[in-house]
């Protein structure tokens, strides 16, 4: 399986998702901010990105730059927003509500 890149400012969720998915043999790289993600991106070839949508300094400009630079990467919005914010829908491919029970994200990953 390709690398999953998980960007979330919550260290607890990063550790939880990384631990759970790593137990199943998935390689997960994490970043705590958009800035950190941008600095790590060149070292990675992620199969897809899971992004917490409540990031500081997260804007349409950042998404547009990333989507144009990496057009083949699948983006999954994974957030405590009840539903994906309208202004971000055009940049993500899939959306899942964030929960401490990660069964839905595991199922989605297995299907990919």
PDB file of N, CA and C in Angstrom:
ATOM      1  N   UNK A   1       0.846  -1.184   0.000  1.00  0.00           N
ATOM      2  CA  UNK A   1       0.000   0.000   0.000  1.00  0.00           C
ATOM      3  C   UNK A   1       0.883   1.237   0.000  1.00  0.00           C
ATOM      4  N   UNK A   2       0.413   2.272  -0.656  1.00  0.00           N
ATOM      5  CA  UNK A   2       1.134   3.534  -0.664  1.00  0.00           C
ATOM      6  C   UNK A   2       1.043   4.214   0.697  1.00  0.00           C
ATOM      7  N   UNK A   3       1.855   5.212   0.839  1.00  0.00           N
ATOM      8  CA  UNK A   3       1.893   5.985   2.071  1.00  0.00           C
ATOM      9  C   UNK A   3       0.641   6.840   2.222  1.00  0.00           C
ATOM     10  N   UNK A   4       0.138   6.898   3.452  1.00  0.00           N
ATOM     11  CA  UNK A   4      -0.951   7.812   3.802  1.00  0.00           C
ATOM     12  C   UNK A   4      -0.317   8.982   4.530  1.00  0.00           C
ATOM     13  N   UNK A   5      -0.674  10.175   4.116  1.00  0.00           N
ATOM     14  CA  UNK A   5      -0.186  11.381   4.775  1.00  0.00           C
ATOM     15  C   UNK A   5      -1.355  11.977   5.544  1.00  0.00           C
ATOM     16  N   UNK A   6      -1.223  12.045   6.864  1.00  0.00           N
ATOM     17  CA  UNK A   6      -2.309  12.525   7.730  1.00  0.00           C
ATOM     18  C   UNK A   6      -1.899  13.854   8.354  1.00  0.00           C
ATOM     19  N   UNK A   7      -2.665  14.904   8.059  1.00  0.00           N
ATOM     20  CA  UNK A   7      -2.383  16.250   8.554  1.00  0.00           C
ATOM     21  C   UNK A   7      -3.477  16.648   9.536  1.00  0.00           C
ATOM     22  N   UNK A   8      -3.070  16.859  10.788  1.00  0.00           N
ATOM     23  CA  UNK A   8      -4.028  17.206  11.835  1.00  0.00           C
ATOM     24  C   UNK A   8      -3.281  17.934  12.949  1.00  0.00           C
ATOM     25  N   UNK A   9      -3.840  19.038  13.420  1.00  0.00           N
ATOM     26  CA  UNK A   9      -3.171  19.767  14.498  1.00  0.00           C
ATOM     27  C   UNK A   9      -3.342  19.092  15.858  1.00  0.00           C
ATOM     28  N   UNK A  10      -4.181  18.078  15.953  1.00  0.00           N
ATOM     29  CA  UNK A  10      -4.379  17.344  17.195  1.00  0.00           C
ATOM     30  C   UNK A  10      -3.404  16.167  17.282  1.00  0.00           C
ATOM     31  N   UNK A  11      -2.463  16.269  18.203  1.00  0.00           N
ATOM     32  CA  UNK A  11      -1.483  15.200  18.364  1.00  0.00           C
ATOM     33  C   UNK A  11      -2.152  13.878  18.753  1.00  0.00           C
ATOM     34  N   UNK A  12      -3.180  13.952  19.566  1.00  0.00           N
ATOM     35  CA  UNK A  12      -3.881  12.738  20.007  1.00  0.00           C
ATOM     36  C   UNK A  12      -4.463  11.984  18.809  1.00  0.00           C
ATOM     37  N   UNK A  13      -5.144  12.696  17.919  1.00  0.00           N
ATOM     38  CA  UNK A  13      -5.718  12.029  16.746  1.00  0.00           C
ATOM     39  C   UNK A  13      -4.630  11.517  15.810  1.00  0.00           C
ATOM     40  N   UNK A  14      -3.542  12.269  15.659  1.00  0.00           N
ATOM     41  CA  UNK A  14      -2.448  11.796  14.802  1.00  0.00           C
ATOM     42  C   UNK A  14      -1.887  10.485  15.335  1.00  0.00           C
ATOM     43  N   UNK A  15      -1.631  10.443  16.652  1.00  0.00           N
ATOM     44  CA  UNK A  15      -1.087   9.220  17.250  1.00  0.00           C
ATOM     45  C   UNK A  15      -2.068   8.056  17.164  1.00  0.00           C
ATOM     46  N   UNK A  16      -3.349   8.335  17.412  1.00  0.00           N
ATOM     47  CA  UNK A  16      -4.369   7.292  17.357  1.00  0.00           C
ATOM     48  C   UNK A  16      -4.470   6.682  15.962  1.00  0.00           C
ATOM     49  N   UNK A  17      -4.618   7.523  14.963  1.00  0.00           N
ATOM     50  CA  UNK A  17      -4.772   7.013  13.599  1.00  0.00           C
ATOM     51  C   UNK A  17      -3.501   6.313  13.128  1.00  0.00           C
ATOM     52  N   UNK A  18      -2.361   6.895  13.428  1.00  0.00           N
ATOM     53  CA  UNK A  18      -1.103   6.283  13.016  1.00  0.00           C
ATOM     54  C   UNK A  18      -0.921   4.911  13.671  1.00  0.00           C
ATOM     55  N   UNK A  19      -1.199   4.816  14.958  1.00  0.00           N
ATOM     56  CA  UNK A  19      -1.046   3.534  15.664  1.00  0.00           C
ATOM     57  C   UNK A  19      -2.016   2.484  15.127  1.00  0.00           C
ATOM     58  N   UNK A  20      -3.269   2.859  14.980  1.00  0.00           N
ATOM     59  CA  UNK A  20      -4.287   1.913  14.510  1.00  0.00           C
ATOM     60  C   UNK A  20      -3.974   1.401  13.106  1.00  0.00           C
ATOM     61  N   UNK A  21      -3.621   2.306  12.209  1.00  0.00           N
ATOM     62  CA  UNK A  21      -3.374   1.893  10.824  1.00  0.00           C
ATOM     63  C   UNK A  21      -2.039   1.182  10.669  1.00  0.00           C
ATOM     64  N   UNK A  22      -1.055   1.553  11.470  1.00  0.00           N
ATOM     65  CA  UNK A  22       0.246   0.890  11.411  1.00  0.00           C
ATOM     66  C   UNK A  22       0.143  -0.569  11.842  1.00  0.00           C
ATOM     67  N   UNK A  23      -0.752  -0.866  12.785  1.00  0.00           N
ATOM     68  CA  UNK A  23      -0.952  -2.249  13.227  1.00  0.00           C
ATOM     69  C   UNK A  23      -1.443  -3.124  12.082  1.00  0.00           C
ATOM     70  N   UNK A  24      -2.077  -2.504  11.111  1.00  0.00           N
ATOM     71  CA  UNK A  24      -2.593  -3.249   9.964  1.00  0.00           C
ATOM     72  C   UNK A  24      -1.647  -3.202   8.772  1.00  0.00           C
ATOM     73  N   UNK A  25      -0.423  -2.726   9.008  1.00  0.00           N
ATOM     74  CA  UNK A  25       0.587  -2.723   7.960  1.00  0.00           C
ATOM     75  C   UNK A  25       0.569  -1.519   7.042  1.00  0.00           C
ATOM     76  N   UNK A  26      -0.139  -0.483   7.406  1.00  0.00           N
ATOM     77  CA  UNK A  26      -0.206   0.722   6.589  1.00  0.00           C
ATOM     78  C   UNK A  26       0.873   1.705   7.034  1.00  0.00           C
ATOM     79  N   UNK A  27       1.557   2.303   6.090  1.00  0.00           N
ATOM     80  CA  UNK A  27       2.573   3.304   6.403  1.00  0.00           C
ATOM     81  C   UNK A  27       1.891   4.662   6.482  1.00  0.00           C
ATOM     82  N   UNK A  28       1.953   5.292   7.649  1.00  0.00           N
ATOM     83  CA  UNK A  28       1.303   6.581   7.888  1.00  0.00           C
ATOM     84  C   UNK A  28       2.359   7.599   8.311  1.00  0.00           C
ATOM     85  N   UNK A  29       2.420   8.696   7.583  1.00  0.00           N
ATOM     86  CA  UNK A  29       3.273   9.824   7.943  1.00  0.00           C
ATOM     87  C   UNK A  29       2.347  10.942   8.390  1.00  0.00           C
ATOM     88  N   UNK A  30       2.715  11.625   9.473  1.00  0.00           N
ATOM     89  CA  UNK A  30       1.846  12.668  10.000  1.00  0.00           C
ATOM     90  C   UNK A  30       2.531  14.029   9.984  1.00  0.00           C
ATOM     91  N   UNK A  31       1.679  15.043  10.010  1.00  0.00           N
ATOM     92  CA  UNK A  31       2.141  16.423  10.156  1.00  0.00           C
ATOM     93  C   UNK A  31       1.126  17.146  11.027  1.00  0.00           C
ATOM     94  N   UNK A  32       1.610  18.082  11.844  1.00  0.00           N
ATOM     95  CA  UNK A  32       0.745  18.803  12.763  1.00  0.00           C
ATOM     96  C   UNK A  32       0.236  20.132  12.238  1.00  0.00           C
ATOM     97  N   UNK A  33       0.679  20.516  11.045  1.00  0.00           N
ATOM     98  CA  UNK A  33       0.245  21.784  10.469  1.00  0.00           C
ATOM     99  C   UNK A  33       0.453  21.749   8.959  1.00  0.00           C
ATOM    100  N   UNK A  34      -0.143  22.709   8.288  1.00  0.00           N
ATOM    101  CA  UNK A  34       0.053  22.826   6.846  1.00  0.00           C
ATOM    102  C   UNK A  34       1.522  23.121   6.546  1.00  0.00           C
ATOM    103  N   UNK A  35       2.138  23.978   7.340  1.00  0.00           N
ATOM    104  CA  UNK A  35       3.540  24.308   7.131  1.00  0.00           C
ATOM    105  C   UNK A  35       4.423  23.065   7.232  1.00  0.00           C
ATOM    106  N   UNK A  36       4.186  22.257   8.268  1.00  0.00           N
ATOM    107  CA  UNK A  36       4.957  21.023   8.431  1.00  0.00           C
ATOM    108  C   UNK A  36       4.689  20.071   7.270  1.00  0.00           C
ATOM    109  N   UNK A  37       3.448  19.996   6.850  1.00  0.00           N
ATOM    110  CA  UNK A  37       3.093  19.123   5.731  1.00  0.00           C
ATOM    111  C   UNK A  37       3.823  19.542   4.463  1.00  0.00           C
ATOM    112  N   UNK A  38       3.858  20.828   4.204  1.00  0.00           N
ATOM    113  CA  UNK A  38       4.541  21.310   3.002  1.00  0.00           C
ATOM    114  C   UNK A  38       6.031  21.001   3.044  1.00  0.00           C
ATOM    115  N   UNK A  39       6.629  21.073   4.228  1.00  0.00           N
ATOM    116  CA  UNK A  39       8.060  20.773   4.333  1.00  0.00           C
ATOM    117  C   UNK A  39       8.350  19.285   4.160  1.00  0.00           C
ATOM    118  N   UNK A  40       7.408  18.422   4.533  1.00  0.00           N
ATOM    119  CA  UNK A  40       7.608  16.965   4.413  1.00  0.00           C
ATOM    120  C   UNK A  40       7.199  16.427   3.042  1.00  0.00           C
ATOM    121  N   UNK A  41       6.364  17.161   2.334  1.00  0.00           N
ATOM    122  CA  UNK A  41       5.731  16.631   1.135  1.00  0.00           C
ATOM    123  C   UNK A  41       6.728  16.135   0.096  1.00  0.00           C
ATOM    124  N   UNK A  42       7.808  16.861  -0.123  1.00  0.00           N
ATOM    125  CA  UNK A  42       8.755  16.502  -1.174  1.00  0.00           C
ATOM    126  C   UNK A  42       9.420  15.158  -0.925  1.00  0.00           C
ATOM    127  N   UNK A  43       9.450  14.730   0.333  1.00  0.00           N
ATOM    128  CA  UNK A  43      10.059  13.448   0.688  1.00  0.00           C
ATOM    129  C   UNK A  43       9.092  12.282   0.492  1.00  0.00           C
ATOM    130  N   UNK A  44       7.822  12.590   0.281  1.00  0.00           N
ATOM    131  CA  UNK A  44       6.793  11.562   0.234  1.00  0.00           C
ATOM    132  C   UNK A  44       6.253  11.357  -1.173  1.00  0.00           C
ATOM    133  N   UNK A  45       5.628  10.235  -1.333  1.00  0.00           N
ATOM    134  CA  UNK A  45       4.824   9.968  -2.521  1.00  0.00           C
ATOM    135  C   UNK A  45       3.518   9.369  -2.010  1.00  0.00           C
ATOM    136  N   UNK A  46       2.672  10.200  -1.374  1.00  0.00           N
ATOM    137  CA  UNK A  46       1.491   9.630  -0.717  1.00  0.00           C
ATOM    138  C   UNK A  46       0.466   9.114  -1.717  1.00  0.00           C
ATOM    139  N   UNK A  47      -0.168   7.994  -1.336  1.00  0.00           N
ATOM    140  CA  UNK A  47      -1.274   7.477  -2.119  1.00  0.00           C
ATOM    141  C   UNK A  47      -2.491   8.353  -1.945  1.00  0.00           C
ATOM    142  N   UNK A  48      -2.641   8.855  -0.739  1.00  0.00           N
ATOM    143  CA  UNK A  48      -3.683   9.838  -0.465  1.00  0.00           C
ATOM    144  C   UNK A  48      -3.387  10.586   0.812  1.00  0.00           C
ATOM    145  N   UNK A  49      -4.106  11.690   0.990  1.00  0.00           N
ATOM    146  CA  UNK A  49      -3.924  12.562   2.131  1.00  0.00           C
ATOM    147  C   UNK A  49      -5.222  12.614   2.921  1.00  0.00           C
ATOM    148  N   UNK A  50      -5.100  12.467   4.224  1.00  0.00           N
ATOM    149  CA  UNK A  50      -6.231  12.673   5.126  1.00  0.00           C
ATOM    150  C   UNK A  50      -5.973  13.995   5.822  1.00  0.00           C
ATOM    151  N   UNK A  51      -6.903  14.919   5.711  1.00  0.00           N
ATOM    152  CA  UNK A  51      -6.698  16.271   6.205  1.00  0.00           C
ATOM    153  C   UNK A  51      -7.802  16.698   7.156  1.00  0.00           C
ATOM    154  N   UNK A  52      -7.422  17.068   8.364  1.00  0.00           N
ATOM    155  CA  UNK A  52      -8.345  17.721   9.291  1.00  0.00           C
ATOM    156  C   UNK A  52      -8.562  19.122   8.746  1.00  0.00           C
ATOM    157  N   UNK A  53      -9.795  19.467   8.488  1.00  0.00           N
ATOM    158  CA  UNK A  53     -10.108  20.730   7.825  1.00  0.00           C
ATOM    159  C   UNK A  53     -10.011  21.950   8.732  1.00  0.00           C
ATOM    160  N   UNK A  54      -9.905  21.756  10.026  1.00  0.00           N
ATOM    161  CA  UNK A  54      -9.794  22.889  10.958  1.00  0.00           C
ATOM    162  C   UNK A  54      -8.331  23.201  11.258  1.00  0.00           C
ATOM    163  N   UNK A  55      -7.597  23.535  10.247  1.00  0.00           N
ATOM    164  CA  UNK A  55      -6.190  23.884  10.392  1.00  0.00           C
ATOM    165  C   UNK A  55      -6.043  25.399  10.412  1.00  0.00           C
ATOM    166  N   UNK A  56      -5.084  25.881  11.188  1.00  0.00           N
ATOM    167  CA  UNK A  56      -4.730  27.292  11.105  1.00  0.00           C
ATOM    168  C   UNK A  56      -4.091  27.543   9.747  1.00  0.00           C
ATOM    169  N   UNK A  57      -4.333  28.689   9.201  1.00  0.00           N
ATOM    170  CA  UNK A  57      -3.753  29.096   7.921  1.00  0.00           C
ATOM    171  C   UNK A  57      -4.172  28.191   6.772  1.00  0.00           C
ATOM    172  N   UNK A  58      -5.291  27.531   6.895  1.00  0.00           N
ATOM    173  CA  UNK A  58      -5.784  26.695   5.817  1.00  0.00           C
ATOM    174  C   UNK A  58      -6.657  27.556   4.928  1.00  0.00           C
ATOM    175  N   UNK A  59      -6.297  27.624   3.680  1.00  0.00           N
ATOM    176  CA  UNK A  59      -7.058  28.475   2.771  1.00  0.00           C
ATOM    177  C   UNK A  59      -7.210  27.787   1.427  1.00  0.00           C
ATOM    178  N   UNK A  60      -8.098  28.330   0.655  1.00  0.00           N
ATOM    179  CA  UNK A  60      -8.283  27.827  -0.702  1.00  0.00           C
ATOM    180  C   UNK A  60      -7.022  27.958  -1.533  1.00  0.00           C
ATOM    181  N   UNK A  61      -6.237  28.984  -1.257  1.00  0.00           N
ATOM    182  CA  UNK A  61      -4.984  29.176  -1.996  1.00  0.00           C
ATOM    183  C   UNK A  61      -4.017  28.025  -1.757  1.00  0.00           C
ATOM    184  N   UNK A  62      -3.937  27.567  -0.512  1.00  0.00           N
ATOM    185  CA  UNK A  62      -3.055  26.439  -0.189  1.00  0.00           C
ATOM    186  C   UNK A  62      -3.537  25.184  -0.904  1.00  0.00           C
ATOM    187  N   UNK A  63      -4.841  24.918  -0.826  1.00  0.00           N
ATOM    188  CA  UNK A  63      -5.393  23.747  -1.513  1.00  0.00           C
ATOM    189  C   UNK A  63      -5.136  23.811  -3.012  1.00  0.00           C
ATOM    190  N   UNK A  64      -5.390  24.961  -3.590  1.00  0.00           N
ATOM    191  CA  UNK A  64      -5.213  25.097  -5.035  1.00  0.00           C
ATOM    192  C   UNK A  64      -3.768  24.823  -5.432  1.00  0.00           C
ATOM    193  N   UNK A  65      -2.836  25.344  -4.658  1.00  0.00           N
ATOM    194  CA  UNK A  65      -1.418  25.109  -4.934  1.00  0.00           C
ATOM    195  C   UNK A  65      -1.093  23.617  -4.840  1.00  0.00           C
ATOM    196  N   UNK A  66      -1.548  22.970  -3.773  1.00  0.00           N
ATOM    197  CA  UNK A  66      -1.269  21.547  -3.597  1.00  0.00           C
ATOM    198  C   UNK A  66      -1.954  20.693  -4.665  1.00  0.00           C
ATOM    199  N   UNK A  67      -3.203  21.003  -4.970  1.00  0.00           N
ATOM    200  CA  UNK A  67      -3.927  20.223  -5.979  1.00  0.00           C
ATOM    201  C   UNK A  67      -3.295  20.379  -7.355  1.00  0.00           C
ATOM    202  N   UNK A  68      -2.811  21.570  -7.678  1.00  0.00           N
ATOM    203  CA  UNK A  68      -2.165  21.786  -8.970  1.00  0.00           C
ATOM    204  C   UNK A  68      -0.801  21.121  -9.036  1.00  0.00           C
ATOM    205  N   UNK A  69      -0.097  21.102  -7.917  1.00  0.00           N
ATOM    206  CA  UNK A  69       1.226  20.486  -7.870  1.00  0.00           C
ATOM    207  C   UNK A  69       1.132  18.962  -7.859  1.00  0.00           C
ATOM    208  N   UNK A  70       0.110  18.434  -7.172  1.00  0.00           N
ATOM    209  CA  UNK A  70      -0.060  16.982  -7.033  1.00  0.00           C
ATOM    210  C   UNK A  70      -1.478  16.597  -7.459  1.00  0.00           C
ATOM    211  N   UNK A  71      -1.771  16.666  -8.756  1.00  0.00           N
ATOM    212  CA  UNK A  71      -3.150  16.471  -9.215  1.00  0.00           C
ATOM    213  C   UNK A  71      -3.690  15.054  -9.037  1.00  0.00           C
ATOM    214  N   UNK A  72      -2.824  14.052  -8.911  1.00  0.00           N
ATOM    215  CA  UNK A  72      -3.291  12.668  -8.825  1.00  0.00           C
ATOM    216  C   UNK A  72      -3.496  12.176  -7.398  1.00  0.00           C
ATOM    217  N   UNK A  73      -3.260  13.025  -6.409  1.00  0.00           N
ATOM    218  CA  UNK A  73      -3.398  12.610  -5.009  1.00  0.00           C
ATOM    219  C   UNK A  73      -4.854  12.754  -4.572  1.00  0.00           C
ATOM    220  N   UNK A  74      -5.374  11.705  -3.961  1.00  0.00           N
ATOM    221  CA  UNK A  74      -6.734  11.700  -3.420  1.00  0.00           C
ATOM    222  C   UNK A  74      -6.729  12.389  -2.066  1.00  0.00           C
ATOM    223  N   UNK A  75      -7.629  13.363  -1.883  1.00  0.00           N
ATOM    224  CA  UNK A  75      -7.735  14.109  -0.634  1.00  0.00           C
ATOM    225  C   UNK A  75      -8.989  13.700   0.112  1.00  0.00           C
ATOM    226  N   UNK A  76      -8.817  13.308   1.382  1.00  0.00           N
ATOM    227  CA  UNK A  76      -9.940  12.942   2.232  1.00  0.00           C
ATOM    228  C   UNK A  76     -10.049  13.968   3.347  1.00  0.00           C
ATOM    229  N   UNK A  77     -11.156  14.678   3.403  1.00  0.00           N
ATOM    230  CA  UNK A  77     -11.424  15.585   4.513  1.00  0.00           C
ATOM    231  C   UNK A  77     -11.914  14.758   5.695  1.00  0.00           C
ATOM    232  N   UNK A  78     -11.331  14.974   6.850  1.00  0.00           N
ATOM    233  CA  UNK A  78     -11.633  14.179   8.038  1.00  0.00           C
ATOM    234  C   UNK A  78     -11.688  15.163   9.184  1.00  0.00           C
ATOM    235  N   UNK A  79     -12.887  15.569   9.577  1.00  0.00           N
ATOM    236  CA  UNK A  79     -12.967  16.718  10.457  1.00  0.00           C
ATOM    237  C   UNK A  79     -14.095  16.622  11.464  1.00  0.00           C
ATOM    238  N   UNK A  80     -13.974  17.482  12.478  1.00  0.00           N
ATOM    239  CA  UNK A  80     -15.031  17.604  13.464  1.00  0.00           C
ATOM    240  C   UNK A  80     -16.165  18.502  12.973  1.00  0.00           C
ATOM    241  N   UNK A  81     -16.006  19.078  11.782  1.00  0.00           N
ATOM    242  CA  UNK A  81     -17.152  19.738  11.160  1.00  0.00           C
ATOM    243  C   UNK A  81     -18.216  18.672  10.951  1.00  0.00           C
ATOM    244  N   UNK A  82     -19.482  19.009  11.149  1.00  0.00           N
ATOM    245  CA  UNK A  82     -20.536  18.021  10.932  1.00  0.00           C
ATOM    246  C   UNK A  82     -20.619  17.609   9.475  1.00  0.00           C
ATOM    247  N   UNK A  83     -20.357  18.545   8.600  1.00  0.00           N
ATOM    248  CA  UNK A  83     -20.266  18.211   7.188  1.00  0.00           C
ATOM    249  C   UNK A  83     -19.192  19.087   6.574  1.00  0.00           C
ATOM    250  N   UNK A  84     -18.740  18.704   5.419  1.00  0.00           N
ATOM    251  CA  UNK A  84     -17.654  19.432   4.785  1.00  0.00           C
ATOM    252  C   UNK A  84     -18.080  20.863   4.468  1.00  0.00           C
ATOM    253  N   UNK A  85     -17.285  21.844   4.875  1.00  0.00           N
ATOM    254  CA  UNK A  85     -17.611  23.233   4.548  1.00  0.00           C
ATOM    255  C   UNK A  85     -17.680  23.436   3.034  1.00  0.00           C
ATOM    256  N   UNK A  86     -18.660  24.150   2.587  1.00  0.00           N
ATOM    257  CA  UNK A  86     -18.883  24.369   1.154  1.00  0.00           C
ATOM    258  C   UNK A  86     -17.642  24.880   0.436  1.00  0.00           C
ATOM    259  N   UNK A  87     -16.934  25.823   1.057  1.00  0.00           N
ATOM    260  CA  UNK A  87     -15.788  26.435   0.385  1.00  0.00           C
ATOM    261  C   UNK A  87     -14.632  25.462   0.174  1.00  0.00           C
ATOM    262  N   UNK A  88     -14.655  24.302   0.855  1.00  0.00           N
ATOM    263  CA  UNK A  88     -13.580  23.327   0.708  1.00  0.00           C
ATOM    264  C   UNK A  88     -13.969  22.126  -0.150  1.00  0.00           C
ATOM    265  N   UNK A  89     -15.232  21.994  -0.468  1.00  0.00           N
ATOM    266  CA  UNK A  89     -15.684  20.814  -1.217  1.00  0.00           C
ATOM    267  C   UNK A  89     -14.993  20.644  -2.561  1.00  0.00           C
ATOM    268  N   UNK A  90     -14.648  21.737  -3.212  1.00  0.00           N
ATOM    269  CA  UNK A  90     -14.043  21.600  -4.537  1.00  0.00           C
ATOM    270  C   UNK A  90     -12.595  21.095  -4.477  1.00  0.00           C
ATOM    271  N   UNK A  91     -11.979  21.093  -3.286  1.00  0.00           N
ATOM    272  CA  UNK A  91     -10.595  20.649  -3.190  1.00  0.00           C
ATOM    273  C   UNK A  91     -10.446  19.249  -2.616  1.00  0.00           C
ATOM    274  N   UNK A  92     -11.458  18.724  -1.954  1.00  0.00           N
ATOM    275  CA  UNK A  92     -11.311  17.364  -1.427  1.00  0.00           C
ATOM    276  C   UNK A  92     -12.169  16.400  -2.232  1.00  0.00           C
ATOM    277  N   UNK A  93     -11.739  15.146  -2.268  1.00  0.00           N
ATOM    278  CA  UNK A  93     -12.440  14.129  -3.046  1.00  0.00           C
ATOM    279  C   UNK A  93     -13.488  13.399  -2.224  1.00  0.00           C
ATOM    280  N   UNK A  94     -13.211  13.195  -0.949  1.00  0.00           N
ATOM    281  CA  UNK A  94     -14.112  12.472  -0.052  1.00  0.00           C
ATOM    282  C   UNK A  94     -14.128  13.178   1.299  1.00  0.00           C
ATOM    283  N   UNK A  95     -15.172  12.943   2.062  1.00  0.00           N
ATOM    284  CA  UNK A  95     -15.261  13.556   3.384  1.00  0.00           C
ATOM    285  C   UNK A  95     -15.819  12.553   4.381  1.00  0.00           C
ATOM    286  N   UNK A  96     -15.203  12.497   5.563  1.00  0.00           N
ATOM    287  CA  UNK A  96     -15.705  11.682   6.669  1.00  0.00           C
ATOM    288  C   UNK A  96     -15.681  12.510   7.944  1.00  0.00           C
ATOM    289  N   UNK A  97     -16.731  12.424   8.746  1.00  0.00           N
ATOM    290  CA  UNK A  97     -16.684  13.111  10.048  1.00  0.00           C
ATOM    291  C   UNK A  97     -15.669  12.418  10.963  1.00  0.00           C
ATOM    292  N   UNK A  98     -14.916  13.198  11.699  1.00  0.00           N
ATOM    293  CA  UNK A  98     -13.876  12.692  12.582  1.00  0.00           C
ATOM    294  C   UNK A  98     -14.494  12.140  13.861  1.00  0.00           C
ATOM    295  N   UNK A  99     -13.957  11.004  14.296  1.00  0.00           N
ATOM    296  CA  UNK A  99     -14.432  10.357  15.504  1.00  0.00           C
ATOM    297  C   UNK A  99     -13.282   9.588  16.132  1.00  0.00           C
ATOM    298  N   UNK A 100     -13.349   9.374  17.446  1.00  0.00           N
ATOM    299  CA  UNK A 100     -12.323   8.549  18.085  1.00  0.00           C
ATOM    300  C   UNK A 100     -12.491   7.082  17.699  1.00  0.00           C
ATOM    301  N   UNK A 101     -13.641   6.723  17.174  1.00  0.00           N
ATOM    302  CA  UNK A 101     -13.866   5.381  16.632  1.00  0.00           C
ATOM    303  C   UNK A 101     -13.527   5.454  15.150  1.00  0.00           C
ATOM    304  N   UNK A 102     -12.423   4.827  14.778  1.00  0.00           N
ATOM    305  CA  UNK A 102     -11.923   5.037  13.427  1.00  0.00           C
ATOM    306  C   UNK A 102     -12.318   3.943  12.438  1.00  0.00           C
ATOM    307  N   UNK A 103     -13.368   3.235  12.744  1.00  0.00           N
ATOM    308  CA  UNK A 103     -13.817   2.170  11.850  1.00  0.00           C
ATOM    309  C   UNK A 103     -14.173   2.666  10.456  1.00  0.00           C
ATOM    310  N   UNK A 104     -14.819   3.825  10.361  1.00  0.00           N
ATOM    311  CA  UNK A 104     -15.220   4.353   9.056  1.00  0.00           C
ATOM    312  C   UNK A 104     -14.012   4.697   8.192  1.00  0.00           C
ATOM    313  N   UNK A 105     -13.001   5.282   8.808  1.00  0.00           N
ATOM    314  CA  UNK A 105     -11.801   5.637   8.027  1.00  0.00           C
ATOM    315  C   UNK A 105     -11.036   4.383   7.626  1.00  0.00           C
ATOM    316  N   UNK A 106     -11.012   3.373   8.498  1.00  0.00           N
ATOM    317  CA  UNK A 106     -10.366   2.093   8.145  1.00  0.00           C
ATOM    318  C   UNK A 106     -11.079   1.443   6.961  1.00  0.00           C
ATOM    319  N   UNK A 107     -12.392   1.432   7.007  1.00  0.00           N
ATOM    320  CA  UNK A 107     -13.168   0.838   5.915  1.00  0.00           C
ATOM    321  C   UNK A 107     -12.900   1.559   4.601  1.00  0.00           C
ATOM    322  N   UNK A 108     -12.878   2.887   4.664  1.00  0.00           N
ATOM    323  CA  UNK A 108     -12.605   3.675   3.456  1.00  0.00           C
ATOM    324  C   UNK A 108     -11.206   3.365   2.911  1.00  0.00           C
ATOM    325  N   UNK A 109     -10.230   3.309   3.788  1.00  0.00           N
ATOM    326  CA  UNK A 109      -8.867   3.030   3.355  1.00  0.00           C
ATOM    327  C   UNK A 109      -8.766   1.652   2.720  1.00  0.00           C
ATOM    328  N   UNK A 110      -9.406   0.665   3.328  1.00  0.00           N
ATOM    329  CA  UNK A 110      -9.395  -0.692   2.767  1.00  0.00           C
ATOM    330  C   UNK A 110     -10.025  -0.715   1.384  1.00  0.00           C
ATOM    331  N   UNK A 111     -11.051   0.092   1.167  1.00  0.00           N
ATOM    332  CA  UNK A 111     -11.725   0.100  -0.133  1.00  0.00           C
ATOM    333  C   UNK A 111     -10.883   0.787  -1.212  1.00  0.00           C
ATOM    334  N   UNK A 112      -9.929   1.604  -0.790  1.00  0.00           N
ATOM    335  CA  UNK A 112      -9.075   2.301  -1.757  1.00  0.00           C
ATOM    336  C   UNK A 112      -7.920   1.417  -2.144  1.00  0.00           C
TER     337      UNK A 112
END
